[in-house]
């Protein structure tokens, strides 16, 4: 009898194990995603990866264009001194020199300036009476305003400012009225 009880007990345990195994297998079947779900997940991953790659390409392309645009910035800044010297020479020759000298220097100045303009250099347009803007102007000094409308405005331009593309490479040096 004891033997029979042990056998019945073993059979019951085996039946429980089989039931648990079947339950586990049924859970696994419902936990396993279908082919459509797997496809949707992979498609979403692909689209995100593709978008990320496109953003990377755009970013590196933009950085490369900026690099080429501003690669000659140091050279341009060093040439601004030469451009200033030409402008001063033109003023002096216009006062004291001959017409032939003036024409020769103007020819060289215009050719030099046009070559720099071709490379993206632009002179800032700053006039007396313009509002002072710290993004484009550097105030050298302040003087009493000659008239009421020039208070807080530009009274004189000492040195021309320049931009290379959209970037300011030299601020216009100005005198402001207070």
Protein backbone atom coordinates (compact mmCIF):
# COMPACT_ATOMS: atom_id res chain seq x y z
CA UNK A 1 0.00 0.00 0.00
CA UNK A 2 2.79 2.25 0.75
CA UNK A 3 4.21 1.51 -2.62
CA UNK A 4 0.91 2.36 -4.25
CA UNK A 5 0.74 5.70 -2.39
CA UNK A 6 4.25 6.58 -3.54
CA UNK A 7 3.35 5.68 -7.13
CA UNK A 8 0.19 7.80 -6.99
CA UNK A 9 2.21 10.63 -5.51
CA UNK A 10 4.80 10.37 -8.31
CA UNK A 11 2.06 10.32 -10.93
CA UNK A 12 0.50 13.44 -9.42
CA UNK A 13 3.86 15.21 -9.43
CA UNK A 14 4.44 14.23 -13.05
CA UNK A 15 1.00 15.52 -14.01
CA UNK A 16 1.76 18.81 -12.23
CA UNK A 17 5.08 19.11 -14.06
CA UNK A 18 3.37 18.44 -17.39
CA UNK A 19 0.71 21.07 -16.62
CA UNK A 20 3.37 23.61 -15.62
CA UNK A 21 5.33 22.88 -18.79
CA UNK A 22 2.23 23.34 -20.91
CA UNK A 23 1.40 26.61 -19.14
CA UNK A 24 4.96 27.85 -19.66
CA UNK A 25 4.85 26.90 -23.34
CA UNK A 26 1.54 28.73 -23.78
CA UNK A 27 3.01 31.82 -22.10
CA UNK A 28 6.04 31.63 -24.40
CA UNK A 29 3.80 31.39 -27.44
CA UNK A 30 1.91 34.54 -26.45
CA UNK A 31 5.17 36.37 -25.50
CA UNK A 32 6.80 35.65 -28.84
CA UNK A 33 6.10 38.53 -31.24
CA UNK A 34 4.62 37.79 -34.61
CA UNK A 35 6.51 38.29 -37.86
CA UNK A 36 4.57 41.49 -38.57
CA UNK A 37 5.50 42.95 -35.20
CA UNK A 38 9.16 42.05 -35.73
CA UNK A 39 9.03 43.63 -39.19
CA UNK A 40 7.47 46.82 -37.78
CA UNK A 41 10.15 47.06 -35.08
CA UNK A 42 12.98 46.56 -37.59
CA UNK A 43 11.42 49.01 -40.03
CA UNK A 44 11.18 51.64 -37.30
CA UNK A 45 14.80 51.02 -36.33
CA UNK A 46 15.86 51.32 -39.97
CA UNK A 47 13.98 54.60 -40.47
CA UNK A 48 15.54 56.09 -37.33
CA UNK A 49 19.01 54.98 -38.37
CA UNK A 50 18.51 56.39 -41.86
CA UNK A 51 17.31 59.74 -40.47
CA UNK A 52 20.27 59.88 -38.11
CA UNK A 53 22.65 59.21 -41.01
CA UNK A 54 21.01 61.91 -43.15
CA UNK A 55 21.39 64.41 -40.29
CA UNK A 56 25.04 63.41 -39.96
CA UNK A 57 25.62 63.97 -43.69
CA UNK A 58 23.96 67.40 -43.57
CA UNK A 59 25.92 68.42 -40.48
CA UNK A 60 29.29 67.36 -41.91
CA UNK A 61 28.51 68.99 -45.24
CA UNK A 62 27.65 72.26 -43.49
CA UNK A 63 30.82 72.07 -41.37
CA UNK A 64 32.90 71.44 -44.49
CA UNK A 65 31.36 74.43 -46.28
CA UNK A 66 31.99 76.66 -43.27
CA UNK A 67 35.56 75.42 -43.08
CA UNK A 68 36.22 76.31 -46.72
CA UNK A 69 34.44 79.63 -46.38
CA UNK A 70 36.43 80.70 -43.33
CA UNK A 71 39.69 78.87 -44.09
CA UNK A 72 41.20 82.03 -45.55
CA UNK A 73 39.98 84.23 -42.70
CA UNK A 74 43.47 84.74 -41.23
CA UNK A 75 44.82 85.74 -44.63
CA UNK A 76 41.92 88.17 -45.11
CA UNK A 77 42.52 89.77 -41.71
CA UNK A 78 46.18 90.29 -42.53
CA UNK A 79 45.24 91.88 -45.88
CA UNK A 80 42.97 94.43 -44.18
CA UNK A 81 46.04 96.37 -43.03
CA UNK A 82 47.24 96.59 -46.63
CA UNK A 83 43.78 97.74 -47.72
CA UNK A 84 43.83 100.46 -45.03
CA UNK A 85 47.28 101.59 -46.19
CA UNK A 86 45.99 101.89 -49.75
CA UNK A 87 43.08 104.05 -48.58
CA UNK A 88 45.42 106.34 -46.64
CA UNK A 89 47.78 106.56 -49.62
CA UNK A 90 44.90 107.49 -51.92
CA UNK A 91 43.88 110.32 -49.58
CA UNK A 92 47.44 111.70 -49.44
CA UNK A 93 48.01 111.41 -53.19
CA UNK A 94 44.69 113.15 -53.81
CA UNK A 95 45.87 116.08 -51.65
CA UNK A 96 49.51 116.38 -52.70
CA UNK A 97 50.27 114.08 -55.63
CA UNK A 98 49.87 114.16 -59.36
CA UNK A 99 46.88 112.88 -61.30
CA UNK A 100 48.94 110.07 -62.87
CA UNK A 101 50.09 108.81 -59.47
CA UNK A 102 46.52 108.88 -58.19
CA UNK A 103 45.22 106.90 -61.17
CA UNK A 104 47.96 104.26 -60.82
CA UNK A 105 47.37 103.71 -57.11
CA UNK A 106 43.57 103.71 -57.60
CA UNK A 107 43.94 101.02 -60.27
CA UNK A 108 45.96 98.77 -57.96
CA UNK A 109 43.64 99.51 -55.01
CA UNK A 110 40.49 98.67 -56.98
CA UNK A 111 41.99 95.45 -58.33
CA UNK A 112 43.12 94.38 -54.87
CA UNK A 113 39.74 95.23 -53.32
CA UNK A 114 37.82 93.37 -56.05
CA UNK A 115 39.90 90.21 -55.50
CA UNK A 116 39.15 90.32 -51.77
CA UNK A 117 35.46 90.92 -52.52
CA UNK A 118 35.43 87.86 -54.78
CA UNK A 119 36.56 85.79 -51.80
CA UNK A 120 33.65 87.01 -49.66
CA UNK A 121 35.04 90.14 -47.98
CA UNK A 122 32.51 92.97 -47.59
CA UNK A 123 33.01 96.43 -46.11
CA UNK A 124 30.42 97.45 -43.53
CA UNK A 125 28.35 100.47 -44.45
CA UNK A 126 28.66 102.77 -41.43
CA UNK A 127 27.73 106.45 -41.64
CA UNK A 128 27.58 109.36 -39.26
CA UNK A 129 24.22 109.32 -37.50
CA UNK A 130 23.78 105.54 -37.54
CA UNK A 131 22.81 103.85 -34.28
CA UNK A 132 25.66 102.26 -32.36
CA UNK A 133 25.45 98.43 -32.46
CA UNK A 134 27.92 96.37 -30.39
CA UNK A 135 27.57 93.47 -32.83
CA UNK A 136 29.19 95.52 -35.62
CA UNK A 137 30.87 98.55 -34.04
CA UNK A 138 33.66 99.15 -31.56
CA UNK A 139 33.50 102.48 -29.76
CA UNK A 140 36.97 104.00 -29.55
CA UNK A 141 35.89 107.07 -27.62
CA UNK A 142 32.90 109.24 -26.76
CA UNK A 143 32.72 112.96 -27.37
CA UNK A 144 30.04 115.53 -26.61
CA UNK A 145 27.43 115.22 -29.36
CA UNK A 146 27.62 118.11 -31.84
CA UNK A 147 23.82 118.06 -32.11
CA UNK A 148 20.94 116.63 -30.12
CA UNK A 149 20.08 113.94 -32.71
CA UNK A 150 23.65 112.49 -32.54
CA UNK A 151 23.44 111.57 -28.84
CA UNK A 152 24.13 107.85 -28.53
CA UNK A 153 24.78 107.67 -32.27
CA UNK A 154 27.91 107.39 -34.38
CA UNK A 155 29.66 110.74 -34.83
CA UNK A 156 32.72 109.61 -36.82
CA UNK A 157 34.11 106.42 -38.39
CA UNK A 158 37.80 105.89 -37.63
CA UNK A 159 38.32 102.50 -39.30
CA UNK A 160 36.08 100.54 -41.66
CA UNK A 161 34.69 97.23 -40.45
CA UNK A 162 34.60 94.09 -42.60
CA UNK A 163 32.63 90.87 -42.79
CA UNK A 164 33.63 87.59 -44.37
CA UNK A 165 30.42 85.95 -45.47
CA UNK A 166 28.10 86.47 -42.50
CA UNK A 167 30.87 86.66 -39.90
CA UNK A 168 32.37 89.94 -38.65
CA UNK A 169 36.15 89.72 -38.94
CA UNK A 170 36.85 93.34 -37.97
CA UNK A 171 34.53 95.67 -36.13
CA UNK A 172 34.12 99.21 -37.39
CA UNK A 173 35.95 101.55 -35.06
CA UNK A 174 33.76 104.56 -34.35
CA UNK A 175 33.39 107.64 -32.18
CA UNK A 176 30.03 108.03 -30.46
CA UNK A 177 28.29 111.10 -29.11
CA UNK A 178 27.10 111.39 -25.50
